[in-house]
Amino acid sequence: MVSAHTENWRLERIALIDRAILRLGVYELRSDKAPRKVVVNEAVELAKTFSSEEAAGFVNGVLDSVLHALPEKVKQDGGS
């Protein structure tokens, strides 16, 4: 799912830490166990802490794209 939402980026070209953060974010968005805003924000904060400011924007953009592709049920904030 990550590679489907990273235009012009092969998965192998994305830094390992950024890939891990994206995979974690996608898993959490699909699991519907946490509010989507929290998931995206936490992923961005992880990228800022462990990668770079540029990576934070990249992670935000990819997860936003993934979020828009998910079924409506999964998009709900914590089921409320």
C-alpha atoms as a PDB file:
ATOM      1  CA  MET A   1       0.000   0.000   0.000  1.00  0.00           C
ATOM      2  CA  VAL A   2       2.920   2.344   0.697  1.00  0.00           C
ATOM      3  CA  SER A   3       4.416   1.905  -2.763  1.00  0.00           C
ATOM      4  CA  ALA A   4       1.026   2.536  -4.371  1.00  0.00           C
ATOM      5  CA  HIS A   5       0.969   6.020  -2.796  1.00  0.00           C
ATOM      6  CA  THR A   6       4.554   7.099  -3.414  1.00  0.00           C
ATOM      7  CA  GLU A   7       4.621   8.543  -6.911  1.00  0.00           C
ATOM      8  CA  ASN A   8       8.049   8.511  -8.563  1.00  0.00           C
ATOM      9  CA  TRP A   9       9.606   6.730  -5.560  1.00  0.00           C
ATOM     10  CA  ARG A  10      10.583   3.089  -5.593  1.00  0.00           C
ATOM     11  CA  LEU A  11      10.226   1.537  -2.173  1.00  0.00           C
ATOM     12  CA  GLU A  12      13.946   0.698  -2.140  1.00  0.00           C
ATOM     13  CA  ARG A  13      14.833   4.405  -2.485  1.00  0.00           C
ATOM     14  CA  ILE A  14      12.937   5.418   0.658  1.00  0.00           C
ATOM     15  CA  ALA A  15      15.095   5.466   3.800  1.00  0.00           C
ATOM     16  CA  LEU A  16      14.588   2.430   6.030  1.00  0.00           C
ATOM     17  CA  ILE A  17      13.314   4.481   8.965  1.00  0.00           C
ATOM     18  CA  ASP A  18      10.853   6.331   6.733  1.00  0.00           C
ATOM     19  CA  ARG A  19       9.589   3.040   5.301  1.00  0.00           C
ATOM     20  CA  ALA A  20       9.110   1.672   8.804  1.00  0.00           C
ATOM     21  CA  ILE A  21       7.195   4.773   9.888  1.00  0.00           C
ATOM     22  CA  LEU A  22       4.996   4.629   6.782  1.00  0.00           C
ATOM     23  CA  ARG A  23       4.248   0.938   7.260  1.00  0.00           C
ATOM     24  CA  LEU A  24       3.358   1.530  10.897  1.00  0.00           C
ATOM     25  CA  GLY A  25       1.132   4.469   9.953  1.00  0.00           C
ATOM     26  CA  VAL A  26      -0.669   2.494   7.238  1.00  0.00           C
ATOM     27  CA  TYR A  27      -1.220  -0.421   9.619  1.00  0.00           C
ATOM     28  CA  GLU A  28      -2.673   1.882  12.276  1.00  0.00           C
ATOM     29  CA  LEU A  29      -4.889   3.706   9.774  1.00  0.00           C
ATOM     30  CA  ARG A  30      -6.244   0.401   8.481  1.00  0.00           C
ATOM     31  CA  SER A  31      -6.774  -1.064  11.967  1.00  0.00           C
ATOM     32  CA  ASP A  32      -9.130   1.779  12.978  1.00  0.00           C
ATOM     33  CA  LYS A  33      -7.975   1.571  16.615  1.00  0.00           C
ATOM     34  CA  ALA A  34      -6.789   5.172  16.918  1.00  0.00           C
ATOM     35  CA  PRO A  35      -8.136   8.460  15.560  1.00  0.00           C
ATOM     36  CA  ARG A  36      -6.680   9.135  12.107  1.00  0.00           C
ATOM     37  CA  LYS A  37      -5.387  12.597  13.031  1.00  0.00           C
ATOM     38  CA  VAL A  38      -3.461  11.094  15.918  1.00  0.00           C
ATOM     39  CA  VAL A  39      -1.970   8.371  13.713  1.00  0.00           C
ATOM     40  CA  VAL A  40      -0.774  10.840  11.084  1.00  0.00           C
ATOM     41  CA  ASN A  41       0.526  13.308  13.684  1.00  0.00           C
ATOM     42  CA  GLU A  42       2.448  10.617  15.549  1.00  0.00           C
ATOM     43  CA  ALA A  43       3.979   9.326  12.309  1.00  0.00           C
ATOM     44  CA  VAL A  44       5.083  12.854  11.395  1.00  0.00           C
ATOM     45  CA  GLU A  45       6.582  13.355  14.862  1.00  0.00           C
ATOM     46  CA  LEU A  46       8.461  10.045  14.550  1.00  0.00           C
ATOM     47  CA  ALA A  47       9.852  11.192  11.207  1.00  0.00           C
ATOM     48  CA  LYS A  48      10.951  14.531  12.692  1.00  0.00           C
ATOM     49  CA  THR A  49      12.627  12.787  15.613  1.00  0.00           C
ATOM     50  CA  PHE A  50      14.307   9.901  13.829  1.00  0.00           C
ATOM     51  CA  SER A  51      14.693  11.166  10.260  1.00  0.00           C
ATOM     52  CA  SER A  52      14.434  14.751   8.958  1.00  0.00           C
ATOM     53  CA  GLU A  53      12.067  17.664   8.445  1.00  0.00           C
ATOM     54  CA  GLU A  54      11.823  16.738   4.759  1.00  0.00           C
ATOM     55  CA  ALA A  55      10.921  13.188   5.709  1.00  0.00           C
ATOM     56  CA  ALA A  56       8.172  14.498   7.992  1.00  0.00           C
ATOM     57  CA  GLY A  57       6.493  16.247   5.062  1.00  0.00           C
ATOM     58  CA  PHE A  58       6.919  13.177   2.880  1.00  0.00           C
ATOM     59  CA  VAL A  59       5.378  10.903   5.546  1.00  0.00           C
ATOM     60  CA  ASN A  60       2.497  13.330   5.998  1.00  0.00           C
ATOM     61  CA  GLY A  61       1.789  13.433   2.266  1.00  0.00           C
ATOM     62  CA  VAL A  62       1.947   9.677   1.778  1.00  0.00           C
ATOM     63  CA  LEU A  63      -0.265   8.911   4.783  1.00  0.00           C
ATOM     64  CA  ASP A  64      -2.756  11.566   3.678  1.00  0.00           C
ATOM     65  CA  SER A  65      -2.912   9.895   0.263  1.00  0.00           C
ATOM     66  CA  VAL A  66      -3.389   6.490   1.898  1.00  0.00           C
ATOM     67  CA  LEU A  67      -6.105   7.887   4.147  1.00  0.00           C
ATOM     68  CA  HIS A  68      -8.080   9.221   1.169  1.00  0.00           C
ATOM     69  CA  ALA A  69      -7.886   5.791  -0.474  1.00  0.00           C
ATOM     70  CA  LEU A  70      -9.261   3.902   2.523  1.00  0.00           C
ATOM     71  CA  PRO A  71     -12.933   2.944   2.790  1.00  0.00           C
ATOM     72  CA  GLU A  72     -15.078   5.450   4.674  1.00  0.00           C
ATOM     73  CA  LYS A  73     -15.495   3.142   7.694  1.00  0.00           C
ATOM     74  CA  VAL A  74     -11.759   3.164   8.320  1.00  0.00           C
ATOM     75  CA  LYS A  75     -11.579   6.962   8.003  1.00  0.00           C
ATOM     76  CA  GLN A  76     -13.768   7.583  11.039  1.00  0.00           C
ATOM     77  CA  ASP A  77     -11.992   9.012  14.061  1.00  0.00           C
ATOM     78  CA  GLY A  78     -11.965   6.221  16.606  1.00  0.00           C
ATOM     79  CA  GLY A  79     -15.385   4.994  15.555  1.00  0.00           C
ATOM     80  CA  SER A  80     -17.168   8.083  16.917  1.00  0.00           C
END
